[in-house]
Amino acid sequence: MSRSFFAVQAKQDLKDITNRIARENPAAAKRLLAEVKRKAKAIADFPEMGHSYTYLLPSLRGFFVGDYIVFYFPQPNSIQVIRVLSGYRDLEAVFLN
């Protein structure tokens, strides 16, 4: 079974997102966090299933959870989640600047 690892920045992204959601709906914040973790574990077994974002960084892949994109790098027997960002953000500004 493969594993998913979250970089410090990805953990901070999730904390910021769930704190913001929790102000209005704590249950929704918990569901989002659980879904991100569940999908990350599932995608770790088949890392090529995620969408390619190589135009942003070599080997970068991602998958959606609601309006958020979970960005990761495939690793041997795992994935390294590096960011969790709103799909509405200017991704090129985040990754290419």
N, C-alpha and C. Protein backbone atom coordinates (compact mmCIF):
# COMPACT_ATOMS: atom_id res chain seq x y z
N MET A 1 0.84 -1.18 0.00
CA MET A 1 0.00 0.00 0.00
C MET A 1 0.88 1.25 0.00
N SER A 2 0.57 2.17 -0.86
CA SER A 2 1.32 3.42 -0.97
C SER A 2 0.85 4.41 0.09
N ARG A 3 1.66 5.46 0.27
CA ARG A 3 1.35 6.44 1.30
C ARG A 3 1.36 7.84 0.71
N SER A 4 0.72 8.74 1.42
CA SER A 4 0.75 10.15 1.03
C SER A 4 1.40 10.94 2.16
N PHE A 5 2.26 11.87 1.76
CA PHE A 5 2.95 12.74 2.72
C PHE A 5 2.63 14.18 2.37
N PHE A 6 2.41 14.99 3.38
CA PHE A 6 2.06 16.40 3.18
C PHE A 6 3.22 17.28 3.60
N ALA A 7 3.69 18.10 2.67
CA ALA A 7 4.75 19.07 2.97
C ALA A 7 4.21 20.12 3.93
N VAL A 8 5.13 20.83 4.57
CA VAL A 8 4.75 21.87 5.54
C VAL A 8 3.79 22.88 4.90
N GLN A 9 4.08 23.32 3.68
CA GLN A 9 3.22 24.31 3.02
C GLN A 9 1.83 23.74 2.76
N ALA A 10 1.72 22.48 2.38
CA ALA A 10 0.41 21.86 2.15
C ALA A 10 -0.38 21.78 3.46
N LYS A 11 0.29 21.45 4.54
CA LYS A 11 -0.37 21.41 5.85
C LYS A 11 -0.88 22.80 6.23
N GLN A 12 -0.07 23.83 5.96
CA GLN A 12 -0.50 25.19 6.26
C GLN A 12 -1.67 25.60 5.37
N ASP A 13 -1.62 25.23 4.10
CA ASP A 13 -2.75 25.52 3.20
C ASP A 13 -4.04 24.91 3.74
N LEU A 14 -3.97 23.64 4.13
CA LEU A 14 -5.16 22.96 4.66
C LEU A 14 -5.65 23.62 5.94
N LYS A 15 -4.74 24.01 6.79
CA LYS A 15 -5.13 24.68 8.04
C LYS A 15 -5.84 25.99 7.74
N ASP A 16 -5.28 26.78 6.83
CA ASP A 16 -5.89 28.06 6.47
C ASP A 16 -7.28 27.86 5.86
N ILE A 17 -7.40 26.89 4.96
CA ILE A 17 -8.67 26.62 4.29
C ILE A 17 -9.71 26.14 5.29
N THR A 18 -9.36 25.16 6.09
CA THR A 18 -10.35 24.61 7.03
C THR A 18 -10.72 25.62 8.11
N ASN A 19 -9.77 26.45 8.56
CA ASN A 19 -10.12 27.48 9.54
C ASN A 19 -11.11 28.47 8.95
N ARG A 20 -10.90 28.85 7.70
CA ARG A 20 -11.80 29.79 7.04
C ARG A 20 -13.20 29.18 6.89
N ILE A 21 -13.27 27.93 6.46
CA ILE A 21 -14.57 27.26 6.29
C ILE A 21 -15.24 27.05 7.64
N ALA A 22 -14.45 26.69 8.65
CA ALA A 22 -15.00 26.36 9.97
C ALA A 22 -15.70 27.55 10.63
N ARG A 23 -15.33 28.76 10.26
CA ARG A 23 -16.01 29.94 10.84
C ARG A 23 -17.50 29.91 10.52
N GLU A 24 -17.85 29.39 9.35
CA GLU A 24 -19.24 29.34 8.93
C GLU A 24 -19.85 27.95 9.12
N ASN A 25 -19.02 26.92 8.92
CA ASN A 25 -19.55 25.56 8.93
C ASN A 25 -18.47 24.56 9.36
N PRO A 26 -18.33 24.35 10.68
CA PRO A 26 -17.29 23.44 11.17
C PRO A 26 -17.40 22.02 10.60
N ALA A 27 -18.60 21.53 10.41
CA ALA A 27 -18.76 20.17 9.88
C ALA A 27 -18.24 20.08 8.44
N ALA A 28 -18.47 21.12 7.65
CA ALA A 28 -17.96 21.12 6.26
C ALA A 28 -16.44 21.14 6.24
N ALA A 29 -15.83 21.87 7.17
CA ALA A 29 -14.36 21.91 7.24
C ALA A 29 -13.80 20.53 7.56
N LYS A 30 -14.43 19.83 8.48
CA LYS A 30 -13.98 18.48 8.83
C LYS A 30 -14.14 17.52 7.66
N ARG A 31 -15.25 17.66 6.94
CA ARG A 31 -15.49 16.79 5.78
C ARG A 31 -14.45 17.04 4.69
N LEU A 32 -14.14 18.31 4.45
CA LEU A 32 -13.14 18.63 3.42
C LEU A 32 -11.79 18.03 3.78
N LEU A 33 -11.36 18.21 5.01
CA LEU A 33 -10.08 17.67 5.45
C LEU A 33 -10.05 16.15 5.31
N ALA A 34 -11.11 15.49 5.73
CA ALA A 34 -11.17 14.03 5.62
C ALA A 34 -11.13 13.59 4.16
N GLU A 35 -11.82 14.32 3.29
CA GLU A 35 -11.85 13.95 1.87
C GLU A 35 -10.49 14.15 1.21
N VAL A 36 -9.79 15.22 1.56
CA VAL A 36 -8.45 15.45 1.02
C VAL A 36 -7.54 14.29 1.42
N LYS A 37 -7.56 13.93 2.68
CA LYS A 37 -6.71 12.83 3.16
C LYS A 37 -7.09 11.50 2.51
N ARG A 38 -8.39 11.24 2.38
CA ARG A 38 -8.86 9.99 1.77
C ARG A 38 -8.42 9.90 0.32
N LYS A 39 -8.64 10.97 -0.45
CA LYS A 39 -8.26 10.94 -1.86
C LYS A 39 -6.74 10.86 -2.04
N ALA A 40 -6.00 11.53 -1.17
CA ALA A 40 -4.54 11.47 -1.27
C ALA A 40 -4.05 10.04 -1.06
N LYS A 41 -4.62 9.34 -0.10
CA LYS A 41 -4.24 7.94 0.11
C LYS A 41 -4.60 7.09 -1.09
N ALA A 42 -5.77 7.32 -1.66
CA ALA A 42 -6.21 6.54 -2.82
C ALA A 42 -5.33 6.83 -4.03
N ILE A 43 -5.02 8.08 -4.27
CA ILE A 43 -4.24 8.45 -5.45
C ILE A 43 -2.79 7.97 -5.31
N ALA A 44 -2.32 7.80 -4.08
CA ALA A 44 -0.95 7.32 -3.88
C ALA A 44 -0.74 5.94 -4.50
N ASP A 45 -1.80 5.14 -4.57
CA ASP A 45 -1.70 3.82 -5.20
C ASP A 45 -1.62 3.91 -6.72
N PHE A 46 -2.18 4.99 -7.28
CA PHE A 46 -2.20 5.18 -8.74
C PHE A 46 -1.89 6.65 -9.04
N PRO A 47 -0.66 7.09 -8.80
CA PRO A 47 -0.34 8.52 -8.87
C PRO A 47 -0.51 9.15 -10.25
N GLU A 48 -0.51 8.35 -11.29
CA GLU A 48 -0.69 8.91 -12.63
C GLU A 48 -2.15 9.24 -12.93
N MET A 49 -3.06 8.88 -12.03
CA MET A 49 -4.48 9.19 -12.22
C MET A 49 -4.73 10.70 -12.14
N GLY A 50 -3.93 11.39 -11.38
CA GLY A 50 -4.13 12.82 -11.23
C GLY A 50 -3.85 13.56 -12.52
N HIS A 51 -4.39 14.76 -12.61
CA HIS A 51 -4.20 15.61 -13.78
C HIS A 51 -2.75 16.13 -13.81
N SER A 52 -2.18 16.20 -15.00
CA SER A 52 -0.81 16.70 -15.15
C SER A 52 -0.80 18.23 -15.09
N TYR A 53 0.11 18.77 -14.30
CA TYR A 53 0.35 20.22 -14.22
C TYR A 53 1.81 20.51 -14.53
N THR A 54 2.37 19.75 -15.48
CA THR A 54 3.79 19.92 -15.81
C THR A 54 4.09 21.28 -16.43
N TYR A 55 3.07 22.01 -16.88
CA TYR A 55 3.31 23.35 -17.38
C TYR A 55 3.67 24.31 -16.24
N LEU A 56 3.37 23.88 -15.00
CA LEU A 56 3.72 24.68 -13.82
C LEU A 56 5.07 24.24 -13.24
N LEU A 57 5.24 22.95 -13.07
CA LEU A 57 6.48 22.36 -12.55
C LEU A 57 6.64 20.96 -13.14
N PRO A 58 7.86 20.55 -13.45
CA PRO A 58 8.07 19.19 -13.96
C PRO A 58 7.53 18.14 -12.98
N SER A 59 6.83 17.17 -13.50
CA SER A 59 6.27 16.03 -12.75
C SER A 59 5.10 16.38 -11.85
N LEU A 60 4.69 17.64 -11.79
CA LEU A 60 3.60 18.05 -10.90
C LEU A 60 2.27 17.49 -11.40
N ARG A 61 1.51 16.95 -10.46
CA ARG A 61 0.18 16.42 -10.75
C ARG A 61 -0.78 16.96 -9.70
N GLY A 62 -2.07 16.80 -9.92
CA GLY A 62 -3.04 17.28 -8.97
C GLY A 62 -4.39 16.62 -9.15
N PHE A 63 -5.21 16.74 -8.12
CA PHE A 63 -6.58 16.24 -8.17
C PHE A 63 -7.48 17.20 -7.41
N PHE A 64 -8.74 17.23 -7.82
CA PHE A 64 -9.70 18.13 -7.21
C PHE A 64 -10.40 17.49 -6.03
N VAL A 65 -10.65 18.32 -5.02
CA VAL A 65 -11.56 18.00 -3.93
C VAL A 65 -12.42 19.25 -3.79
N GLY A 66 -13.64 19.15 -4.25
CA GLY A 66 -14.50 20.33 -4.29
C GLY A 66 -13.88 21.38 -5.19
N ASP A 67 -13.75 22.59 -4.67
CA ASP A 67 -13.15 23.70 -5.44
C ASP A 67 -11.65 23.79 -5.27
N TYR A 68 -11.03 22.84 -4.61
CA TYR A 68 -9.61 22.89 -4.29
C TYR A 68 -8.83 21.87 -5.12
N ILE A 69 -7.60 22.25 -5.43
CA ILE A 69 -6.70 21.34 -6.14
C ILE A 69 -5.60 20.93 -5.18
N VAL A 70 -5.40 19.63 -5.06
CA VAL A 70 -4.34 19.08 -4.23
C VAL A 70 -3.18 18.75 -5.18
N PHE A 71 -2.08 19.50 -5.06
CA PHE A 71 -0.93 19.33 -5.94
C PHE A 71 0.08 18.40 -5.29
N TYR A 72 0.64 17.50 -6.10
CA TYR A 72 1.57 16.52 -5.56
C TYR A 72 2.61 16.11 -6.60
N PHE A 73 3.67 15.54 -6.06
CA PHE A 73 4.70 14.90 -6.90
C PHE A 73 4.64 13.40 -6.63
N PRO A 74 4.56 12.59 -7.69
CA PRO A 74 4.65 11.14 -7.49
C PRO A 74 6.05 10.77 -7.00
N GLN A 75 6.10 9.85 -6.06
CA GLN A 75 7.34 9.32 -5.51
C GLN A 75 7.24 7.79 -5.57
N PRO A 76 8.35 7.09 -5.46
CA PRO A 76 8.24 5.63 -5.40
C PRO A 76 7.40 5.20 -4.20
N ASN A 77 6.30 4.55 -4.46
CA ASN A 77 5.39 4.03 -3.42
C ASN A 77 4.73 5.11 -2.57
N SER A 78 4.66 6.36 -3.07
CA SER A 78 4.00 7.42 -2.30
C SER A 78 3.75 8.63 -3.19
N ILE A 79 3.08 9.60 -2.61
CA ILE A 79 2.99 10.92 -3.23
C ILE A 79 3.38 11.95 -2.17
N GLN A 80 3.96 13.04 -2.64
CA GLN A 80 4.33 14.16 -1.77
C GLN A 80 3.41 15.32 -2.13
N VAL A 81 2.44 15.61 -1.26
CA VAL A 81 1.52 16.72 -1.48
C VAL A 81 2.26 18.00 -1.12
N ILE A 82 2.29 18.95 -2.07
CA ILE A 82 3.06 20.17 -1.82
C ILE A 82 2.19 21.40 -1.59
N ARG A 83 1.00 21.43 -2.17
CA ARG A 83 0.10 22.57 -1.99
C ARG A 83 -1.33 22.10 -2.08
N VAL A 84 -2.23 22.85 -1.43
CA VAL A 84 -3.66 22.68 -1.58
C VAL A 84 -4.19 24.09 -1.82
N LEU A 85 -4.70 24.33 -3.02
CA LEU A 85 -5.09 25.68 -3.42
C LEU A 85 -6.48 25.70 -4.04
N SER A 86 -7.12 26.84 -3.94
CA SER A 86 -8.39 27.03 -4.62
C SER A 86 -8.18 26.92 -6.12
N GLY A 87 -9.08 26.23 -6.78
CA GLY A 87 -9.01 26.11 -8.23
C GLY A 87 -9.27 27.43 -8.94
N TYR A 88 -9.73 28.43 -8.20
CA TYR A 88 -9.99 29.75 -8.77
C TYR A 88 -8.77 30.66 -8.73
N ARG A 89 -7.71 30.23 -8.07
CA ARG A 89 -6.50 31.05 -7.99
C ARG A 89 -5.74 31.05 -9.30
N ASP A 90 -4.93 32.08 -9.47
CA ASP A 90 -4.03 32.17 -10.61
C ASP A 90 -2.85 31.24 -10.32
N LEU A 91 -2.92 30.03 -10.82
CA LEU A 91 -1.92 29.01 -10.49
C LEU A 91 -0.54 29.38 -11.01
N GLU A 92 -0.48 30.00 -12.16
CA GLU A 92 0.83 30.40 -12.71
C GLU A 92 1.48 31.43 -11.80
N ALA A 93 0.70 32.32 -11.21
CA ALA A 93 1.26 33.31 -10.29
C ALA A 93 1.82 32.64 -9.04
N VAL A 94 1.18 31.58 -8.59
CA VAL A 94 1.65 30.87 -7.39
C VAL A 94 2.93 30.09 -7.68
N PHE A 95 2.95 29.35 -8.78
CA PHE A 95 4.05 28.42 -9.05
C PHE A 95 5.19 29.02 -9.86
N LEU A 96 4.90 29.99 -10.69
CA LEU A 96 5.93 30.46 -11.61
C LEU A 96 6.58 31.77 -11.18
N ASN A 97 6.12 32.38 -10.12
CA ASN A 97 6.73 33.63 -9.63
C ASN A 97 7.64 33.40 -8.46
